[in-house]
């Protein structure tokens, strides 16, 4: 065995020992609170990937779309016929298009009632609160209301929150926080969002 191969083998043995120790120490079983945040692309896409994974195992899933609900969504189109998927959509679409705080707040509150039902349902394995961070930022939803619903949800239920600028209280509660960092975005260089790629 060459010196390089021997060093590689020793390095991989150390890595395996560290991974095995972490696996052995991971003994708790419960639902998780996951946050996909940051200014980069892919937060909602990642959440839909997990929705697909859960549906693939036959779990019941709820998705609440607070901003992009009226926009075409390839993932939703593909999965919406699955009997285990429930999708609730905020009726106003993009808040920067409506520019009406009162109607946006009412629409948000209406779809939040659907979210609360999902968050209280022990049969719902996964709930995605897509773009809810904006609802908190704009004051359409109260952070304490959202926190209480998350705290009181069934123990086995996982929740994914997506959106930029996740509220610090939610970040503090979360089990996993992933920050998507933008390095370059095609839209900023004049490229249109592409069907089947961006939506």
N, C-alpha and C. Protein backbone atom coordinates (compact mmCIF):
# COMPACT_ATOMS: atom_id res chain seq x y z
N UNK A 1 0.85 -1.18 0.00
CA UNK A 1 0.00 0.00 0.00
C UNK A 1 0.90 1.25 0.00
N UNK A 2 0.59 2.21 -0.87
CA UNK A 2 1.39 3.43 -0.94
C UNK A 2 1.15 4.29 0.29
N UNK A 3 2.06 5.23 0.54
CA UNK A 3 1.89 6.17 1.67
C UNK A 3 0.59 6.95 1.53
N UNK A 4 0.28 7.37 0.31
CA UNK A 4 -0.95 8.15 0.09
C UNK A 4 -2.18 7.31 0.41
N UNK A 5 -2.19 6.06 -0.04
CA UNK A 5 -3.32 5.17 0.25
C UNK A 5 -3.43 4.89 1.74
N UNK A 6 -2.30 4.74 2.40
CA UNK A 6 -2.30 4.49 3.85
C UNK A 6 -2.84 5.69 4.60
N UNK A 7 -2.45 6.91 4.20
CA UNK A 7 -2.96 8.13 4.85
C UNK A 7 -4.46 8.27 4.63
N UNK A 8 -4.89 7.95 3.39
CA UNK A 8 -6.32 8.02 3.08
C UNK A 8 -7.11 7.03 3.94
N UNK A 9 -6.61 5.81 4.06
CA UNK A 9 -7.28 4.78 4.87
C UNK A 9 -7.38 5.22 6.33
N UNK A 10 -6.29 5.77 6.87
CA UNK A 10 -6.29 6.23 8.27
C UNK A 10 -7.27 7.38 8.46
N UNK A 11 -7.33 8.29 7.49
CA UNK A 11 -8.25 9.43 7.57
C UNK A 11 -9.71 8.95 7.53
N UNK A 12 -10.01 8.00 6.64
CA UNK A 12 -11.37 7.47 6.54
C UNK A 12 -11.77 6.68 7.79
N UNK A 13 -10.82 5.99 8.41
CA UNK A 13 -11.11 5.28 9.66
C UNK A 13 -11.49 6.26 10.76
N UNK A 14 -10.78 7.38 10.85
CA UNK A 14 -11.10 8.41 11.85
C UNK A 14 -12.48 9.01 11.57
N UNK A 15 -12.74 9.30 10.30
CA UNK A 15 -14.04 9.85 9.92
C UNK A 15 -15.16 8.88 10.26
N UNK A 16 -14.98 7.60 9.95
CA UNK A 16 -16.00 6.59 10.26
C UNK A 16 -16.25 6.50 11.76
N UNK A 17 -15.21 6.59 12.56
CA UNK A 17 -15.37 6.54 14.01
C UNK A 17 -16.20 7.72 14.51
N UNK A 18 -15.95 8.92 13.95
CA UNK A 18 -16.73 10.11 14.35
C UNK A 18 -18.19 9.97 13.94
N UNK A 19 -18.43 9.51 12.72
CA UNK A 19 -19.81 9.33 12.23
C UNK A 19 -20.52 8.27 13.06
N UNK A 20 -19.84 7.15 13.30
CA UNK A 20 -20.46 6.07 14.10
C UNK A 20 -20.83 6.56 15.50
N UNK A 21 -19.99 7.40 16.09
CA UNK A 21 -20.28 7.94 17.42
C UNK A 21 -21.52 8.83 17.39
N UNK A 22 -21.63 9.68 16.35
CA UNK A 22 -22.82 10.54 16.23
C UNK A 22 -24.08 9.71 16.04
N UNK A 23 -23.99 8.68 15.22
CA UNK A 23 -25.15 7.80 14.99
C UNK A 23 -25.57 7.13 16.29
N UNK A 24 -24.60 6.66 17.05
CA UNK A 24 -24.89 5.99 18.33
C UNK A 24 -25.52 6.94 19.33
N UNK A 25 -25.13 8.22 19.29
CA UNK A 25 -25.64 9.21 20.24
C UNK A 25 -27.00 9.77 19.84
N UNK A 26 -27.43 9.56 18.61
CA UNK A 26 -28.72 10.06 18.13
C UNK A 26 -29.80 9.06 18.51
N UNK A 27 -30.36 9.21 19.70
CA UNK A 27 -31.31 8.23 20.23
C UNK A 27 -32.74 8.76 20.29
N UNK A 28 -32.93 10.08 20.15
CA UNK A 28 -34.27 10.66 20.29
C UNK A 28 -35.04 10.54 18.98
N UNK A 29 -36.33 10.20 19.07
CA UNK A 29 -37.23 10.09 17.92
C UNK A 29 -38.38 11.05 18.12
N UNK A 30 -38.55 12.02 17.21
CA UNK A 30 -39.69 12.94 17.24
C UNK A 30 -39.70 13.74 15.95
N UNK A 31 -40.78 14.45 15.72
CA UNK A 31 -40.85 15.36 14.58
C UNK A 31 -39.88 16.51 14.76
N UNK A 32 -39.53 17.14 13.66
CA UNK A 32 -38.53 18.20 13.66
C UNK A 32 -39.13 19.52 13.22
N UNK A 33 -38.46 20.61 13.58
CA UNK A 33 -38.76 21.93 13.02
C UNK A 33 -37.57 22.31 12.16
N UNK A 34 -37.80 22.40 10.85
CA UNK A 34 -36.75 22.72 9.88
C UNK A 34 -37.03 24.08 9.27
N UNK A 35 -35.98 24.87 9.07
CA UNK A 35 -36.14 26.19 8.45
C UNK A 35 -35.19 26.28 7.26
N UNK A 36 -35.77 26.63 6.10
CA UNK A 36 -34.99 26.96 4.91
C UNK A 36 -35.09 28.47 4.72
N UNK A 37 -33.99 29.18 4.95
CA UNK A 37 -34.02 30.63 4.89
C UNK A 37 -32.83 31.14 4.08
N UNK A 38 -32.61 32.43 4.08
CA UNK A 38 -31.51 33.04 3.33
C UNK A 38 -32.00 33.66 2.03
N UNK A 39 -31.09 34.40 1.38
CA UNK A 39 -31.49 35.13 0.17
C UNK A 39 -31.26 34.32 -1.11
N UNK A 40 -30.84 33.08 -0.98
CA UNK A 40 -30.58 32.25 -2.15
C UNK A 40 -31.82 31.51 -2.63
N UNK A 41 -31.73 31.01 -3.85
CA UNK A 41 -32.81 30.27 -4.50
C UNK A 41 -32.86 28.84 -3.98
N UNK A 42 -34.06 28.26 -3.91
CA UNK A 42 -34.17 26.84 -3.62
C UNK A 42 -34.84 26.46 -2.32
N UNK A 43 -35.31 27.43 -1.55
CA UNK A 43 -35.92 27.14 -0.24
C UNK A 43 -37.21 26.35 -0.40
N UNK A 44 -38.09 26.84 -1.26
CA UNK A 44 -39.36 26.15 -1.50
C UNK A 44 -39.13 24.84 -2.25
N UNK A 45 -38.22 24.85 -3.21
CA UNK A 45 -37.91 23.64 -3.97
C UNK A 45 -37.45 22.53 -3.04
N UNK A 46 -36.59 22.87 -2.09
CA UNK A 46 -36.11 21.87 -1.12
C UNK A 46 -37.27 21.33 -0.29
N UNK A 47 -38.17 22.21 0.11
CA UNK A 47 -39.33 21.78 0.90
C UNK A 47 -40.21 20.81 0.10
N UNK A 48 -40.44 21.12 -1.18
CA UNK A 48 -41.24 20.22 -2.02
C UNK A 48 -40.54 18.88 -2.20
N UNK A 49 -39.23 18.88 -2.20
CA UNK A 49 -38.50 17.62 -2.26
C UNK A 49 -38.81 16.74 -1.07
N UNK A 50 -38.88 17.35 0.11
CA UNK A 50 -39.20 16.60 1.32
C UNK A 50 -40.67 16.17 1.30
N UNK A 51 -41.54 17.01 0.75
CA UNK A 51 -42.95 16.62 0.58
C UNK A 51 -43.02 15.35 -0.27
N UNK A 52 -42.29 15.32 -1.38
CA UNK A 52 -42.27 14.16 -2.27
C UNK A 52 -41.76 12.93 -1.53
N UNK A 53 -40.72 13.12 -0.73
CA UNK A 53 -40.15 12.00 0.04
C UNK A 53 -41.20 11.44 1.01
N UNK A 54 -41.87 12.31 1.75
CA UNK A 54 -42.88 11.85 2.72
C UNK A 54 -44.04 11.15 2.03
N UNK A 55 -44.52 11.73 0.92
CA UNK A 55 -45.60 11.10 0.17
C UNK A 55 -45.18 9.74 -0.36
N UNK A 56 -43.91 9.62 -0.73
CA UNK A 56 -43.39 8.36 -1.23
C UNK A 56 -43.49 7.24 -0.21
N UNK A 57 -43.47 7.58 1.07
CA UNK A 57 -43.63 6.59 2.14
C UNK A 57 -45.09 6.45 2.58
N UNK A 58 -45.99 7.18 1.92
CA UNK A 58 -47.41 7.06 2.25
C UNK A 58 -47.85 7.92 3.41
N UNK A 59 -47.04 8.91 3.79
CA UNK A 59 -47.42 9.79 4.90
C UNK A 59 -48.37 10.90 4.42
N UNK A 60 -49.17 11.39 5.35
CA UNK A 60 -50.08 12.50 5.09
C UNK A 60 -49.29 13.81 5.23
N UNK A 61 -49.45 14.71 4.23
CA UNK A 61 -48.67 15.95 4.18
C UNK A 61 -49.60 17.13 3.94
N UNK A 62 -49.32 18.24 4.60
CA UNK A 62 -50.03 19.50 4.35
C UNK A 62 -49.06 20.58 3.94
N UNK A 63 -49.41 21.33 2.90
CA UNK A 63 -48.59 22.45 2.44
C UNK A 63 -49.46 23.70 2.44
N UNK A 64 -48.94 24.77 3.06
CA UNK A 64 -49.62 26.06 3.05
C UNK A 64 -48.72 27.03 2.32
N UNK A 65 -49.21 27.59 1.21
CA UNK A 65 -48.42 28.53 0.42
C UNK A 65 -48.94 29.95 0.68
N UNK A 66 -48.09 30.74 1.34
CA UNK A 66 -48.50 32.08 1.75
C UNK A 66 -48.27 33.14 0.68
N UNK A 67 -47.37 32.93 -0.24
CA UNK A 67 -47.08 33.98 -1.23
C UNK A 67 -47.27 33.50 -2.66
N UNK A 68 -46.69 32.39 -3.01
CA UNK A 68 -46.64 31.96 -4.40
C UNK A 68 -47.81 31.07 -4.80
N UNK A 69 -48.81 30.99 -3.98
CA UNK A 69 -49.88 30.02 -4.20
C UNK A 69 -50.63 30.17 -5.51
N UNK A 70 -50.81 31.39 -5.99
CA UNK A 70 -51.54 31.59 -7.24
C UNK A 70 -50.63 31.46 -8.45
N UNK A 71 -49.33 31.36 -8.22
CA UNK A 71 -48.35 31.19 -9.29
C UNK A 71 -48.32 29.72 -9.68
N UNK A 72 -48.07 29.45 -10.94
CA UNK A 72 -47.96 28.07 -11.39
C UNK A 72 -46.84 27.36 -10.63
N UNK A 73 -47.07 26.10 -10.26
CA UNK A 73 -46.10 25.36 -9.45
C UNK A 73 -46.04 23.92 -9.95
N UNK A 74 -44.95 23.56 -10.62
CA UNK A 74 -44.81 22.24 -11.20
C UNK A 74 -44.92 21.13 -10.18
N UNK A 75 -44.31 21.33 -9.00
CA UNK A 75 -44.37 20.30 -7.96
C UNK A 75 -45.80 20.06 -7.51
N UNK A 76 -46.52 21.15 -7.29
CA UNK A 76 -47.92 21.02 -6.87
C UNK A 76 -48.74 20.34 -7.96
N UNK A 77 -48.50 20.73 -9.22
CA UNK A 77 -49.22 20.11 -10.35
C UNK A 77 -49.01 18.60 -10.37
N UNK A 78 -47.79 18.17 -10.11
CA UNK A 78 -47.43 16.75 -10.20
C UNK A 78 -48.01 15.95 -9.03
N UNK A 79 -48.05 16.58 -7.85
CA UNK A 79 -48.38 15.84 -6.63
C UNK A 79 -49.82 16.01 -6.15
N UNK A 80 -50.54 17.00 -6.68
CA UNK A 80 -51.83 17.37 -6.09
C UNK A 80 -52.88 16.26 -6.12
N UNK A 81 -52.71 15.28 -7.01
CA UNK A 81 -53.69 14.19 -7.06
C UNK A 81 -53.44 13.12 -6.00
N UNK A 82 -52.32 13.22 -5.28
CA UNK A 82 -52.03 12.27 -4.21
C UNK A 82 -53.02 12.52 -3.07
N UNK A 83 -53.75 11.49 -2.71
CA UNK A 83 -54.79 11.62 -1.67
C UNK A 83 -54.20 12.01 -0.32
N UNK A 84 -52.91 11.80 -0.11
CA UNK A 84 -52.28 12.16 1.16
C UNK A 84 -51.79 13.60 1.21
N UNK A 85 -51.97 14.36 0.14
CA UNK A 85 -51.51 15.75 0.10
C UNK A 85 -52.68 16.71 0.17
N UNK A 86 -52.57 17.67 1.10
CA UNK A 86 -53.52 18.77 1.20
C UNK A 86 -52.73 20.07 1.00
N UNK A 87 -53.21 20.93 0.10
CA UNK A 87 -52.55 22.21 -0.16
C UNK A 87 -53.54 23.33 0.10
N UNK A 88 -53.13 24.31 0.90
CA UNK A 88 -53.93 25.51 1.14
C UNK A 88 -53.15 26.70 0.59
N UNK A 89 -53.84 27.57 -0.13
CA UNK A 89 -53.19 28.66 -0.85
C UNK A 89 -53.77 29.99 -0.39
N UNK A 90 -52.87 30.94 -0.08
CA UNK A 90 -53.31 32.30 0.24
C UNK A 90 -53.86 32.93 -1.03
N UNK A 91 -55.06 33.44 -0.94
CA UNK A 91 -55.82 33.82 -2.14
C UNK A 91 -55.30 35.04 -2.88
N UNK A 92 -54.35 35.76 -2.31
CA UNK A 92 -53.92 37.01 -2.95
C UNK A 92 -52.68 36.87 -3.80
N UNK A 93 -51.94 35.78 -3.67
CA UNK A 93 -50.69 35.65 -4.44
C UNK A 93 -49.61 36.55 -3.88
N UNK A 94 -48.84 37.19 -4.76
CA UNK A 94 -47.72 38.03 -4.33
C UNK A 94 -48.23 39.30 -3.65
N UNK A 95 -47.75 39.56 -2.43
CA UNK A 95 -48.22 40.74 -1.69
C UNK A 95 -47.76 42.03 -2.35
N UNK A 96 -46.64 42.00 -3.09
CA UNK A 96 -46.19 43.24 -3.73
C UNK A 96 -47.06 43.58 -4.95
N UNK A 97 -47.85 42.61 -5.43
CA UNK A 97 -48.80 42.91 -6.50
C UNK A 97 -50.07 43.54 -5.94
N UNK A 98 -50.55 43.06 -4.81
CA UNK A 98 -51.82 43.56 -4.27
C UNK A 98 -51.65 44.93 -3.64
N UNK A 99 -50.56 45.11 -2.90
CA UNK A 99 -50.26 46.38 -2.23
C UNK A 99 -51.41 46.84 -1.34
N UNK A 100 -52.13 45.88 -0.75
CA UNK A 100 -53.27 46.20 0.10
C UNK A 100 -53.11 45.43 1.40
N UNK A 101 -52.66 46.13 2.43
CA UNK A 101 -52.36 45.49 3.71
C UNK A 101 -53.59 44.82 4.31
N UNK A 102 -54.73 45.47 4.23
CA UNK A 102 -55.94 44.92 4.86
C UNK A 102 -56.37 43.61 4.20
N UNK A 103 -56.44 43.59 2.87
CA UNK A 103 -56.88 42.36 2.20
C UNK A 103 -55.83 41.27 2.31
N UNK A 104 -54.55 41.64 2.29
CA UNK A 104 -53.50 40.64 2.46
C UNK A 104 -53.55 40.03 3.86
N UNK A 105 -53.81 40.86 4.86
CA UNK A 105 -53.90 40.36 6.23
C UNK A 105 -55.08 39.39 6.36
N UNK A 106 -56.21 39.75 5.77
CA UNK A 106 -57.39 38.87 5.82
C UNK A 106 -57.11 37.55 5.12
N UNK A 107 -56.47 37.61 3.96
CA UNK A 107 -56.14 36.39 3.22
C UNK A 107 -55.17 35.53 4.00
N UNK A 108 -54.20 36.17 4.63
CA UNK A 108 -53.23 35.44 5.44
C UNK A 108 -53.92 34.77 6.63
N UNK A 109 -54.76 35.50 7.31
CA UNK A 109 -55.46 34.94 8.47
C UNK A 109 -56.34 33.76 8.07
N UNK A 110 -56.98 33.86 6.89
CA UNK A 110 -57.84 32.77 6.42
C UNK A 110 -57.03 31.51 6.15
N UNK A 111 -55.89 31.64 5.48
CA UNK A 111 -55.10 30.45 5.18
C UNK A 111 -54.37 29.95 6.43
N UNK A 112 -54.09 30.84 7.37
CA UNK A 112 -53.48 30.42 8.64
C UNK A 112 -54.42 29.48 9.40
N UNK A 113 -55.73 29.70 9.29
CA UNK A 113 -56.68 28.80 9.95
C UNK A 113 -56.54 27.38 9.40
N UNK A 114 -56.27 27.27 8.09
CA UNK A 114 -56.02 25.96 7.50
C UNK A 114 -54.72 25.37 8.05
N UNK A 115 -53.71 26.22 8.18
CA UNK A 115 -52.43 25.77 8.73
C UNK A 115 -52.60 25.26 10.15
N UNK A 116 -53.38 25.98 10.95
CA UNK A 116 -53.61 25.56 12.34
C UNK A 116 -54.25 24.18 12.42
N UNK A 117 -55.18 23.90 11.50
CA UNK A 117 -55.81 22.57 11.48
C UNK A 117 -54.76 21.49 11.18
N UNK A 118 -53.90 21.77 10.20
CA UNK A 118 -52.84 20.81 9.86
C UNK A 118 -51.90 20.60 11.05
N UNK A 119 -51.53 21.71 11.70
CA UNK A 119 -50.58 21.64 12.82
C UNK A 119 -51.17 20.95 14.05
N UNK A 120 -52.48 20.83 14.09
CA UNK A 120 -53.14 20.17 15.22
C UNK A 120 -53.51 18.72 14.93
N UNK A 121 -53.27 18.27 13.69
CA UNK A 121 -53.71 16.94 13.25
C UNK A 121 -52.61 15.91 13.46
N UNK A 122 -52.78 14.98 14.39
CA UNK A 122 -51.75 13.97 14.63
C UNK A 122 -51.50 13.05 13.43
N UNK A 123 -52.44 12.98 12.50
CA UNK A 123 -52.27 12.13 11.32
C UNK A 123 -51.40 12.79 10.25
N UNK A 124 -51.18 14.11 10.37
CA UNK A 124 -50.37 14.82 9.38
C UNK A 124 -48.91 14.74 9.80
N UNK A 125 -48.13 14.04 9.01
CA UNK A 125 -46.73 13.74 9.32
C UNK A 125 -45.82 14.93 9.04
N UNK A 126 -46.13 15.69 7.98
CA UNK A 126 -45.31 16.82 7.57
C UNK A 126 -46.20 17.99 7.21
N UNK A 127 -45.83 19.19 7.70
CA UNK A 127 -46.50 20.43 7.32
C UNK A 127 -45.44 21.39 6.80
N UNK A 128 -45.70 21.97 5.63
CA UNK A 128 -44.81 22.99 5.07
C UNK A 128 -45.53 24.33 5.15
N UNK A 129 -44.88 25.29 5.79
CA UNK A 129 -45.39 26.66 5.87
C UNK A 129 -44.52 27.50 4.94
N UNK A 130 -44.89 27.50 3.67
CA UNK A 130 -44.07 28.08 2.62
C UNK A 130 -44.21 29.60 2.58
N UNK A 131 -43.08 30.29 2.73
CA UNK A 131 -43.00 31.75 2.71
C UNK A 131 -43.72 32.41 3.89
N UNK A 132 -43.88 31.70 4.98
CA UNK A 132 -44.54 32.28 6.15
C UNK A 132 -43.70 33.39 6.78
N UNK A 133 -42.41 33.39 6.52
CA UNK A 133 -41.54 34.41 7.11
C UNK A 133 -41.99 35.81 6.72
N UNK A 134 -42.50 35.97 5.51
CA UNK A 134 -42.96 37.28 5.07
C UNK A 134 -44.21 37.72 5.82
N UNK A 135 -45.07 36.76 6.16
CA UNK A 135 -46.29 37.09 6.90
C UNK A 135 -45.96 37.66 8.27
N UNK A 136 -44.90 37.13 8.87
CA UNK A 136 -44.45 37.64 10.16
C UNK A 136 -43.78 39.00 10.01
N UNK A 137 -42.95 39.12 8.99
CA UNK A 137 -42.24 40.38 8.74
C UNK A 137 -43.21 41.54 8.48
N UNK A 138 -44.26 41.28 7.69
CA UNK A 138 -45.22 42.33 7.35
C UNK A 138 -46.28 42.54 8.43
N UNK A 139 -46.28 41.68 9.46
CA UNK A 139 -47.24 41.84 10.55
C UNK A 139 -48.61 41.27 10.26
N UNK A 140 -48.74 40.43 9.24
CA UNK A 140 -50.02 39.81 8.94
C UNK A 140 -50.34 38.71 9.95
N UNK A 141 -49.30 38.11 10.52
CA UNK A 141 -49.42 37.07 11.53
C UNK A 141 -48.60 37.47 12.75
N UNK A 142 -49.07 37.06 13.91
CA UNK A 142 -48.37 37.34 15.17
C UNK A 142 -47.41 36.19 15.48
N UNK A 143 -46.17 36.52 15.80
CA UNK A 143 -45.15 35.50 16.06
C UNK A 143 -45.55 34.58 17.21
N UNK A 144 -46.18 35.12 18.24
CA UNK A 144 -46.56 34.28 19.38
C UNK A 144 -47.62 33.25 19.00
N UNK A 145 -48.52 33.63 18.10
CA UNK A 145 -49.53 32.69 17.61
C UNK A 145 -48.88 31.53 16.87
N UNK A 146 -47.91 31.86 16.02
CA UNK A 146 -47.21 30.82 15.25
C UNK A 146 -46.40 29.94 16.18
N UNK A 147 -45.68 30.54 17.11
CA UNK A 147 -44.86 29.76 18.05
C UNK A 147 -45.73 28.80 18.85
N UNK A 148 -46.87 29.27 19.32
CA UNK A 148 -47.74 28.41 20.14
C UNK A 148 -48.25 27.22 19.33
N UNK A 149 -48.61 27.47 18.08
CA UNK A 149 -49.07 26.36 17.23
C UNK A 149 -47.95 25.35 17.00
N UNK A 150 -46.73 25.83 16.85
CA UNK A 150 -45.59 24.93 16.65
C UNK A 150 -45.29 24.14 17.91
N UNK A 151 -45.35 24.80 19.05
CA UNK A 151 -45.07 24.14 20.33
C UNK A 151 -46.12 23.06 20.63
N UNK A 152 -47.38 23.35 20.30
CA UNK A 152 -48.48 22.45 20.64
C UNK A 152 -48.75 21.38 19.59
N UNK A 153 -48.00 21.36 18.49
CA UNK A 153 -48.26 20.38 17.44
C UNK A 153 -47.95 18.97 17.95
N UNK A 154 -48.48 17.95 17.26
CA UNK A 154 -48.20 16.56 17.66
C UNK A 154 -46.70 16.28 17.65
N UNK A 155 -46.26 15.48 18.60
CA UNK A 155 -44.83 15.23 18.78
C UNK A 155 -44.16 14.62 17.56
N UNK A 156 -44.89 13.81 16.80
CA UNK A 156 -44.29 13.13 15.65
C UNK A 156 -44.33 13.96 14.37
N UNK A 157 -44.92 15.14 14.43
CA UNK A 157 -45.09 15.96 13.22
C UNK A 157 -43.86 16.82 12.96
N UNK A 158 -43.41 16.81 11.71
CA UNK A 158 -42.31 17.68 11.28
C UNK A 158 -42.90 18.88 10.54
N UNK A 159 -42.29 20.05 10.75
CA UNK A 159 -42.71 21.28 10.09
C UNK A 159 -41.51 21.88 9.37
N UNK A 160 -41.73 22.29 8.13
CA UNK A 160 -40.71 23.03 7.38
C UNK A 160 -41.23 24.45 7.16
N UNK A 161 -40.42 25.41 7.55
CA UNK A 161 -40.71 26.83 7.34
C UNK A 161 -39.76 27.33 6.26
N UNK A 162 -40.30 28.05 5.27
CA UNK A 162 -39.43 28.62 4.25
C UNK A 162 -39.62 30.13 4.17
N UNK A 163 -38.59 30.78 3.64
CA UNK A 163 -38.66 32.21 3.39
C UNK A 163 -37.44 32.95 3.91
N UNK A 164 -37.19 34.09 3.34
CA UNK A 164 -36.06 34.92 3.77
C UNK A 164 -36.30 35.47 5.17
N UNK A 165 -35.21 35.84 5.81
CA UNK A 165 -35.26 36.54 7.10
C UNK A 165 -36.15 35.84 8.13
N UNK A 166 -35.89 34.57 8.36
CA UNK A 166 -36.67 33.83 9.35
C UNK A 166 -36.58 34.53 10.71
N UNK A 167 -37.71 34.63 11.38
CA UNK A 167 -37.77 35.30 12.69
C UNK A 167 -36.82 34.63 13.67
N UNK A 168 -36.11 35.43 14.43
CA UNK A 168 -35.10 34.90 15.37
C UNK A 168 -35.69 33.92 16.37
N UNK A 169 -36.95 34.12 16.77
CA UNK A 169 -37.58 33.18 17.71
C UNK A 169 -37.78 31.81 17.08
N UNK A 170 -38.11 31.79 15.79
CA UNK A 170 -38.28 30.52 15.09
C UNK A 170 -36.92 29.84 14.90
N UNK A 171 -35.91 30.63 14.56
CA UNK A 171 -34.56 30.08 14.41
C UNK A 171 -34.11 29.45 15.72
N UNK A 172 -34.41 30.11 16.85
CA UNK A 172 -34.03 29.58 18.17
C UNK A 172 -34.75 28.27 18.48
N UNK A 173 -35.97 28.10 17.98
CA UNK A 173 -36.76 26.89 18.23
C UNK A 173 -36.36 25.73 17.33
N UNK A 174 -35.78 26.02 16.17
CA UNK A 174 -35.60 25.03 15.11
C UNK A 174 -34.57 23.97 15.46
N UNK A 175 -34.79 22.78 14.93
CA UNK A 175 -33.81 21.69 15.05
C UNK A 175 -32.74 21.81 13.98
N UNK A 176 -33.14 22.22 12.78
CA UNK A 176 -32.21 22.39 11.67
C UNK A 176 -32.55 23.68 10.95
N UNK A 177 -31.54 24.51 10.73
CA UNK A 177 -31.70 25.75 9.96
C UNK A 177 -30.71 25.72 8.81
N UNK A 178 -31.23 25.83 7.60
CA UNK A 178 -30.38 25.87 6.42
C UNK A 178 -30.51 27.25 5.79
N UNK A 179 -29.38 27.91 5.62
CA UNK A 179 -29.40 29.24 5.00
C UNK A 179 -28.88 29.11 3.57
N UNK A 180 -29.78 29.39 2.63
CA UNK A 180 -29.41 29.38 1.22
C UNK A 180 -28.76 30.73 0.90
N UNK A 181 -27.54 30.69 0.43
CA UNK A 181 -26.79 31.92 0.16
C UNK A 181 -26.69 32.15 -1.35
N UNK A 182 -27.13 33.31 -1.79
CA UNK A 182 -27.04 33.62 -3.22
C UNK A 182 -25.62 34.04 -3.58
N UNK A 183 -25.07 33.39 -4.57
CA UNK A 183 -23.78 33.78 -5.15
C UNK A 183 -24.04 34.52 -6.45
N UNK A 184 -24.97 33.99 -7.24
CA UNK A 184 -25.38 34.62 -8.50
C UNK A 184 -26.79 34.15 -8.78
N UNK A 185 -27.64 35.02 -9.32
CA UNK A 185 -29.01 34.63 -9.68
C UNK A 185 -29.29 35.11 -11.10
N UNK A 186 -29.75 34.20 -11.93
CA UNK A 186 -30.00 34.50 -13.35
C UNK A 186 -30.96 35.67 -13.52
N UNK A 187 -31.97 35.77 -12.68
CA UNK A 187 -32.98 36.84 -12.79
C UNK A 187 -32.33 38.21 -12.71
N UNK A 188 -31.30 38.34 -11.86
CA UNK A 188 -30.62 39.63 -11.72
C UNK A 188 -29.83 40.03 -12.96
N UNK A 189 -29.64 39.08 -13.86
CA UNK A 189 -28.95 39.35 -15.12
C UNK A 189 -29.91 39.34 -16.30
N UNK A 190 -31.20 39.52 -16.01
CA UNK A 190 -32.19 39.69 -17.06
C UNK A 190 -32.77 38.41 -17.61
N UNK A 191 -32.51 37.27 -16.98
CA UNK A 191 -33.06 36.00 -17.45
C UNK A 191 -34.39 35.73 -16.76
N UNK A 192 -35.39 35.39 -17.54
CA UNK A 192 -36.72 35.13 -16.99
C UNK A 192 -36.74 33.82 -16.22
N UNK A 193 -37.66 33.74 -15.24
CA UNK A 193 -37.89 32.48 -14.54
C UNK A 193 -38.33 31.45 -15.56
N UNK A 194 -37.83 30.23 -15.46
CA UNK A 194 -38.05 29.21 -16.48
C UNK A 194 -38.99 28.12 -15.97
N UNK A 195 -40.01 27.87 -16.77
CA UNK A 195 -41.01 26.85 -16.43
C UNK A 195 -40.34 25.49 -16.33
N UNK A 196 -40.63 24.76 -15.28
CA UNK A 196 -40.04 23.45 -15.06
C UNK A 196 -38.68 23.50 -14.38
N UNK A 197 -38.11 24.68 -14.24
CA UNK A 197 -36.83 24.86 -13.55
C UNK A 197 -37.03 25.74 -12.33
N UNK A 198 -37.64 26.91 -12.52
CA UNK A 198 -37.86 27.86 -11.43
C UNK A 198 -39.24 27.75 -10.81
N UNK A 199 -40.18 27.18 -11.54
CA UNK A 199 -41.54 27.03 -11.01
C UNK A 199 -42.22 25.85 -11.67
